[in-house]
PDB file of N, CA and C in Angstrom:
ATOM      1  N   MET A   1      78.055 108.619  96.544  1.00  0.00           N
ATOM      2  CA  MET A   1      78.587 108.209  97.801  1.00  0.00           C
ATOM      3  C   MET A   1      79.776 107.241  97.599  1.00  0.00           C
ATOM      4  N   LYS A   2      79.790 106.597  96.492  1.00  0.00           N
ATOM      5  CA  LYS A   2      80.906 105.737  96.271  1.00  0.00           C
ATOM      6  C   LYS A   2      82.267 106.508  96.115  1.00  0.00           C
ATOM      7  N   ILE A   3      82.211 107.709  95.519  1.00  0.00           N
ATOM      8  CA  ILE A   3      83.506 108.466  95.394  1.00  0.00           C
ATOM      9  C   ILE A   3      83.923 109.026  96.737  1.00  0.00           C
ATOM     10  N   ALA A   4      82.947 109.343  97.641  1.00  0.00           N
ATOM     11  CA  ALA A   4      83.258 109.808  98.958  1.00  0.00           C
ATOM     12  C   ALA A   4      83.892 108.654  99.754  1.00  0.00           C
ATOM     13  N   GLY A   5      83.365 107.469  99.658  1.00  0.00           N
ATOM     14  CA  GLY A   5      83.978 106.270 100.203  1.00  0.00           C
ATOM     15  C   GLY A   5      85.371 105.996  99.817  1.00  0.00           C
ATOM     16  N   ILE A   6      85.569 106.075  98.579  1.00  0.00           N
ATOM     17  CA  ILE A   6      86.962 105.833  97.991  1.00  0.00           C
ATOM     18  C   ILE A   6      87.912 106.889  98.545  1.00  0.00           C
ATOM     19  N   LEU A   7      87.542 108.152  98.472  1.00  0.00           N
ATOM     20  CA  LEU A   7      88.337 109.214  99.016  1.00  0.00           C
ATOM     21  C   LEU A   7      88.691 109.051 100.515  1.00  0.00           C
ATOM     22  N   LEU A   8      87.699 108.625 101.244  1.00  0.00           N
ATOM     23  CA  LEU A   8      87.843 108.426 102.750  1.00  0.00           C
ATOM     24  C   LEU A   8      88.855 107.311 102.952  1.00  0.00           C
ATOM     25  N   ILE A   9      88.774 106.258 102.161  1.00  0.00           N
ATOM     26  CA  ILE A   9      89.709 105.154 102.305  1.00  0.00           C
ATOM     27  C   ILE A   9      91.189 105.579 101.941  1.00  0.00           C
ATOM     28  N   VAL A  10      91.342 106.319 100.872  1.00  0.00           N
ATOM     29  CA  VAL A  10      92.583 106.843 100.399  1.00  0.00           C
ATOM     30  C   VAL A  10      93.206 107.694 101.492  1.00  0.00           C
ATOM     31  N   VAL A  11      92.478 108.588 101.993  1.00  0.00           N
ATOM     32  CA  VAL A  11      92.966 109.536 103.123  1.00  0.00           C
ATOM     33  C   VAL A  11      93.293 108.678 104.309  1.00  0.00           C
ATOM     34  N   ALA A  12      92.548 107.698 104.708  1.00  0.00           N
ATOM     35  CA  ALA A  12      92.860 106.900 105.853  1.00  0.00           C
ATOM     36  C   ALA A  12      94.138 106.111 105.680  1.00  0.00           C
ATOM     37  N   VAL A  13      94.398 105.571 104.453  1.00  0.00           N
ATOM     38  CA  VAL A  13      95.599 104.815 104.242  1.00  0.00           C
ATOM     39  C   VAL A  13      96.797 105.717 104.297  1.00  0.00           C
ATOM     40  N   VAL A  14      96.658 106.969 103.796  1.00  0.00           N
ATOM     41  CA  VAL A  14      97.773 107.892 103.872  1.00  0.00           C
ATOM     42  C   VAL A  14      98.030 108.241 105.357  1.00  0.00           C
ATOM     43  N   ALA A  15      96.981 108.447 106.167  1.00  0.00           N
ATOM     44  CA  ALA A  15      97.073 108.747 107.580  1.00  0.00           C
ATOM     45  C   ALA A  15      97.663 107.573 108.292  1.00  0.00           C
ATOM     46  N   LEU A  16      97.401 106.390 107.960  1.00  0.00           N
ATOM     47  CA  LEU A  16      98.058 105.157 108.610  1.00  0.00           C
ATOM     48  C   LEU A  16      99.477 105.060 108.218  1.00  0.00           C
ATOM     49  N   ALA A  17      99.832 105.420 106.944  1.00  0.00           N
ATOM     50  CA  ALA A  17     101.209 105.265 106.472  1.00  0.00           C
ATOM     51  C   ALA A  17     102.126 106.300 107.153  1.00  0.00           C
ATOM     52  N   TYR A  18     101.684 107.549 107.262  1.00  0.00           N
ATOM     53  CA  TYR A  18     102.552 108.628 107.818  1.00  0.00           C
ATOM     54  C   TYR A  18     102.385 108.752 109.298  1.00  0.00           C
ATOM     55  N   GLY A  19     101.220 108.619 109.898  1.00  0.00           N
ATOM     56  CA  GLY A  19     100.994 108.677 111.278  1.00  0.00           C
ATOM     57  C   GLY A  19     101.191 110.077 111.926  1.00  0.00           C
ATOM     58  N   GLU A  20     101.640 110.990 111.233  1.00  0.00           N
ATOM     59  CA  GLU A  20     101.775 112.431 111.710  1.00  0.00           C
ATOM     60  C   GLU A  20     102.051 113.361 110.593  1.00  0.00           C
ATOM     61  N   PHE A  21     101.754 114.618 110.849  1.00  0.00           N
ATOM     62  CA  PHE A  21     102.145 115.613 109.960  1.00  0.00           C
ATOM     63  C   PHE A  21     102.647 116.852 110.678  1.00  0.00           C
ATOM     64  N   SER A  22     103.537 117.537 110.048  1.00  0.00           N
ATOM     65  CA  SER A  22     104.178 118.711 110.674  1.00  0.00           C
ATOM     66  C   SER A  22     103.961 120.015 109.856  1.00  0.00           C
ATOM     67  N   TYR A  23     103.868 121.098 110.533  1.00  0.00           N
ATOM     68  CA  TYR A  23     103.828 122.379 109.867  1.00  0.00           C
ATOM     69  C   TYR A  23     104.644 123.402 110.652  1.00  0.00           C
ATOM     70  N   THR A  24     105.071 124.427 109.970  1.00  0.00           N
ATOM     71  CA  THR A  24     105.885 125.434 110.613  1.00  0.00           C
ATOM     72  C   THR A  24     105.099 126.720 110.674  1.00  0.00           C
ATOM     73  N   SER A  25     105.128 127.430 111.760  1.00  0.00           N
ATOM     74  CA  SER A  25     104.494 128.822 111.906  1.00  0.00           C
ATOM     75  C   SER A  25     105.551 129.807 112.296  1.00  0.00           C
ATOM     76  N   ARG A  26     105.357 131.055 111.787  1.00  0.00           N
ATOM     77  CA  ARG A  26     106.272 132.202 112.118  1.00  0.00           C
ATOM     78  C   ARG A  26     105.463 133.154 112.923  1.00  0.00           C
ATOM     79  N   LYS A  27     106.091 133.664 113.948  1.00  0.00           N
ATOM     80  CA  LYS A  27     105.456 134.653 114.841  1.00  0.00           C
ATOM     81  C   LYS A  27     106.419 135.806 115.055  1.00  0.00           C
ATOM     82  N   LYS A  28     105.909 136.986 114.819  1.00  0.00           N
ATOM     83  CA  LYS A  28     106.752 138.240 115.015  1.00  0.00           C
ATOM     84  C   LYS A  28     106.767 138.529 116.508  1.00  0.00           C
ATOM     85  N   LEU A  29     108.039 138.600 116.967  1.00  0.00           N
ATOM     86  CA  LEU A  29     108.253 139.004 118.346  1.00  0.00           C
ATOM     87  C   LEU A  29     108.456 140.497 118.582  1.00  0.00           C
ATOM     88  N   VAL A  30     109.300 141.068 117.673  1.00  0.00           N
ATOM     89  CA  VAL A  30     109.609 142.496 117.681  1.00  0.00           C
ATOM     90  C   VAL A  30     109.503 143.081 116.337  1.00  0.00           C
ATOM     91  N   ASP A  31     108.819 144.237 116.170  1.00  0.00           N
ATOM     92  CA  ASP A  31     108.803 144.884 114.943  1.00  0.00           C
ATOM     93  C   ASP A  31     108.931 146.396 115.196  1.00  0.00           C
ATOM     94  N   MET A  32     110.142 146.848 115.134  1.00  0.00           N
ATOM     95  CA  MET A  32     110.533 148.283 115.421  1.00  0.00           C
ATOM     96  C   MET A  32     111.227 148.880 114.196  1.00  0.00           C
ATOM     97  N   GLY A  33     110.363 149.156 113.177  1.00  0.00           N
ATOM     98  CA  GLY A  33     110.893 149.762 111.979  1.00  0.00           C
ATOM     99  C   GLY A  33     111.788 148.795 111.244  1.00  0.00           C
ATOM    100  N   PRO A  34     113.108 149.085 111.065  1.00  0.00           N
ATOM    101  CA  PRO A  34     113.904 148.196 110.355  1.00  0.00           C
ATOM    102  C   PRO A  34     114.365 147.007 111.190  1.00  0.00           C
ATOM    103  N   ILE A  35     114.106 147.012 112.470  1.00  0.00           N
ATOM    104  CA  ILE A  35     114.540 145.871 113.268  1.00  0.00           C
ATOM    105  C   ILE A  35     113.357 144.946 113.498  1.00  0.00           C
ATOM    106  N   GLN A  36     113.474 143.695 113.013  1.00  0.00           N
ATOM    107  CA  GLN A  36     112.375 142.729 113.196  1.00  0.00           C
ATOM    108  C   GLN A  36     113.004 141.430 113.709  1.00  0.00           C
ATOM    109  N   ILE A  37     112.341 140.843 114.666  1.00  0.00           N
ATOM    110  CA  ILE A  37     112.758 139.526 115.182  1.00  0.00           C
ATOM    111  C   ILE A  37     111.506 138.613 115.076  1.00  0.00           C
ATOM    112  N   ASP A  38     111.790 137.501 114.360  1.00  0.00           N
ATOM    113  CA  ASP A  38     110.754 136.478 114.124  1.00  0.00           C
ATOM    114  C   ASP A  38     111.082 135.201 114.904  1.00  0.00           C
ATOM    115  N   ARG A  39     110.098 134.495 115.259  1.00  0.00           N
ATOM    116  CA  ARG A  39     110.355 133.178 115.831  1.00  0.00           C
ATOM    117  C   ARG A  39     109.635 132.128 115.073  1.00  0.00           C
ATOM    118  N   THR A  40     110.303 131.056 114.661  1.00  0.00           N
ATOM    119  CA  THR A  40     109.789 129.961 113.839  1.00  0.00           C
ATOM    120  C   THR A  40     109.584 128.769 114.751  1.00  0.00           C
ATOM    121  N   GLU A  41     108.391 128.244 114.732  1.00  0.00           N
ATOM    122  CA  GLU A  41     108.085 127.049 115.492  1.00  0.00           C
ATOM    123  C   GLU A  41     107.599 125.963 114.604  1.00  0.00           C
ATOM    124  N   GLN A  42     108.010 124.756 114.916  1.00  0.00           N
ATOM    125  CA  GLN A  42     107.552 123.574 114.168  1.00  0.00           C
ATOM    126  C   GLN A  42     106.525 122.806 115.042  1.00  0.00           C
ATOM    127  N   HIS A  43     105.392 122.631 114.484  1.00  0.00           N
ATOM    128  CA  HIS A  43     104.379 121.866 115.229  1.00  0.00           C
ATOM    129  C   HIS A  43     104.128 120.500 114.581  1.00  0.00           C
ATOM    130  N   THR A  44     103.948 119.489 115.374  1.00  0.00           N
ATOM    131  CA  THR A  44     103.704 118.113 114.901  1.00  0.00           C
ATOM    132  C   THR A  44     102.352 117.685 115.435  1.00  0.00           C
ATOM    133  N   PHE A  45     101.529 117.167 114.475  1.00  0.00           N
ATOM    134  CA  PHE A  45     100.182 116.673 114.890  1.00  0.00           C
ATOM    135  C   PHE A  45     100.118 115.172 114.674  1.00  0.00           C
ATOM    136  N   LEU A  46      99.992 114.450 115.748  1.00  0.00           N
ATOM    137  CA  LEU A  46      99.953 112.915 115.603  1.00  0.00           C
ATOM    138  C   LEU A  46      98.591 112.448 115.272  1.00  0.00           C
ATOM    139  N   LEU A  47      98.489 111.514 114.374  1.00  0.00           N
ATOM    140  CA  LEU A  47      97.225 110.843 113.957  1.00  0.00           C
ATOM    141  C   LEU A  47      97.172 109.447 114.587  1.00  0.00           C
ATOM    142  N   PRO A  48      96.260 109.202 115.431  1.00  0.00           N
ATOM    143  CA  PRO A  48      96.076 107.916 116.092  1.00  0.00           C
ATOM    144  C   PRO A  48      95.729 106.855 115.048  1.00  0.00           C
ATOM    145  N   PRO A  49      96.345 105.630 115.143  1.00  0.00           N
ATOM    146  CA  PRO A  49      96.006 104.593 114.183  1.00  0.00           C
ATOM    147  C   PRO A  49      94.462 104.244 114.188  1.00  0.00           C
ATOM    148  N   LEU A  50      93.839 104.327 115.356  1.00  0.00           N
ATOM    149  CA  LEU A  50      92.487 103.972 115.445  1.00  0.00           C
ATOM    150  C   LEU A  50      91.630 104.909 114.647  1.00  0.00           C
ATOM    151  N   LEU A  51      92.073 106.118 114.461  1.00  0.00           N
ATOM    152  CA  LEU A  51      91.292 107.037 113.591  1.00  0.00           C
ATOM    153  C   LEU A  51      91.348 106.616 112.089  1.00  0.00           C
ATOM    154  N   GLY A  52      92.475 106.087 111.709  1.00  0.00           N
ATOM    155  CA  GLY A  52      92.765 105.633 110.360  1.00  0.00           C
ATOM    156  C   GLY A  52      91.899 104.348 110.080  1.00  0.00           C
ATOM    157  N   ILE A  53      91.849 103.496 111.059  1.00  0.00           N
ATOM    158  CA  ILE A  53      91.127 102.242 110.867  1.00  0.00           C
ATOM    159  C   ILE A  53      89.604 102.551 110.840  1.00  0.00           C
ATOM    160  N   ALA A  54      89.151 103.452 111.668  1.00  0.00           N
ATOM    161  CA  ALA A  54      87.760 103.890 111.631  1.00  0.00           C
ATOM    162  C   ALA A  54      87.432 104.482 110.317  1.00  0.00           C
ATOM    163  N   ALA A  55      88.297 105.267 109.712  1.00  0.00           N
ATOM    164  CA  ALA A  55      88.037 105.943 108.442  1.00  0.00           C
ATOM    165  C   ALA A  55      87.976 104.888 107.325  1.00  0.00           C
ATOM    166  N   VAL A  56      88.805 103.803 107.403  1.00  0.00           N
ATOM    167  CA  VAL A  56      88.713 102.802 106.384  1.00  0.00           C
ATOM    168  C   VAL A  56      87.439 102.016 106.464  1.00  0.00           C
ATOM    169  N   VAL A  57      86.996 101.758 107.698  1.00  0.00           N
ATOM    170  CA  VAL A  57      85.749 101.010 107.906  1.00  0.00           C
ATOM    171  C   VAL A  57      84.587 101.880 107.404  1.00  0.00           C
ATOM    172  N   GLY A  58      84.597 103.199 107.761  1.00  0.00           N
ATOM    173  CA  GLY A  58      83.586 104.111 107.300  1.00  0.00           C
ATOM    174  C   GLY A  58      83.559 104.222 105.804  1.00  0.00           C
ATOM    175  N   GLY A  59      84.705 104.338 105.130  1.00  0.00           N
ATOM    176  CA  GLY A  59      84.756 104.382 103.682  1.00  0.00           C
ATOM    177  C   GLY A  59      84.188 103.088 103.040  1.00  0.00           C
ATOM    178  N   GLY A  60      84.625 101.949 103.669  1.00  0.00           N
ATOM    179  CA  GLY A  60      84.035 100.707 103.178  1.00  0.00           C
ATOM    180  C   GLY A  60      82.520 100.638 103.319  1.00  0.00           C
ATOM    181  N   ALA A  61      82.045 101.132 104.350  1.00  0.00           N
ATOM    182  CA  ALA A  61      80.625 101.110 104.597  1.00  0.00           C
ATOM    183  C   ALA A  61      79.872 102.100 103.557  1.00  0.00           C
ATOM    184  N   LEU A  62      80.535 103.182 103.200  1.00  0.00           N
ATOM    185  CA  LEU A  62      79.966 104.086 102.193  1.00  0.00           C
ATOM    186  C   LEU A  62      79.934 103.409 100.876  1.00  0.00           C
ATOM    187  N   ILE A  63      80.902 102.541 100.559  1.00  0.00           N
ATOM    188  CA  ILE A  63      80.977 101.922  99.216  1.00  0.00           C
ATOM    189  C   ILE A  63      80.025 100.822  99.140  1.00  0.00           C
ATOM    190  N   PHE A  64      79.943  99.924 100.161  1.00  0.00           N
ATOM    191  CA  PHE A  64      79.198  98.678 100.011  1.00  0.00           C
ATOM    192  C   PHE A  64      77.712  98.768 100.558  1.00  0.00           C
ATOM    193  N   LEU A  65      77.471  99.735 101.440  1.00  0.00           N
ATOM    194  CA  LEU A  65      76.105  99.897 101.985  1.00  0.00           C
ATOM    195  C   LEU A  65      75.303 100.967 101.443  1.00  0.00           C
ATOM    196  N   ARG A  66      75.642 101.441 100.233  1.00  0.00           N
ATOM    197  CA  ARG A  66      74.871 102.649  99.720  1.00  0.00           C
ATOM    198  C   ARG A  66      73.594 102.114  99.108  1.00  0.00           C
ATOM    199  N   LYS A  67      72.636 103.076  98.942  1.00  0.00           N
ATOM    200  CA  LYS A  67      71.306 102.646  98.414  1.00  0.00           C
ATOM    201  C   LYS A  67      71.227 103.118  97.035  1.00  0.00           C
TER     202      LYS A  67
END
């Protein structure tokens, strides 16, 4: 459980530092043989700071309150 707690704290600190992550998706609009039209969309996912704080507290609990 100690390793899981440490990993949870590391992930939480990264989430607090960046606050968001983005990814790009491609979608085919038209596919007629040699003619293809694609659409690229960028999506942003915001991470609330409260989630990061809760993960740090949970990771600390896993480290210090284990049996």
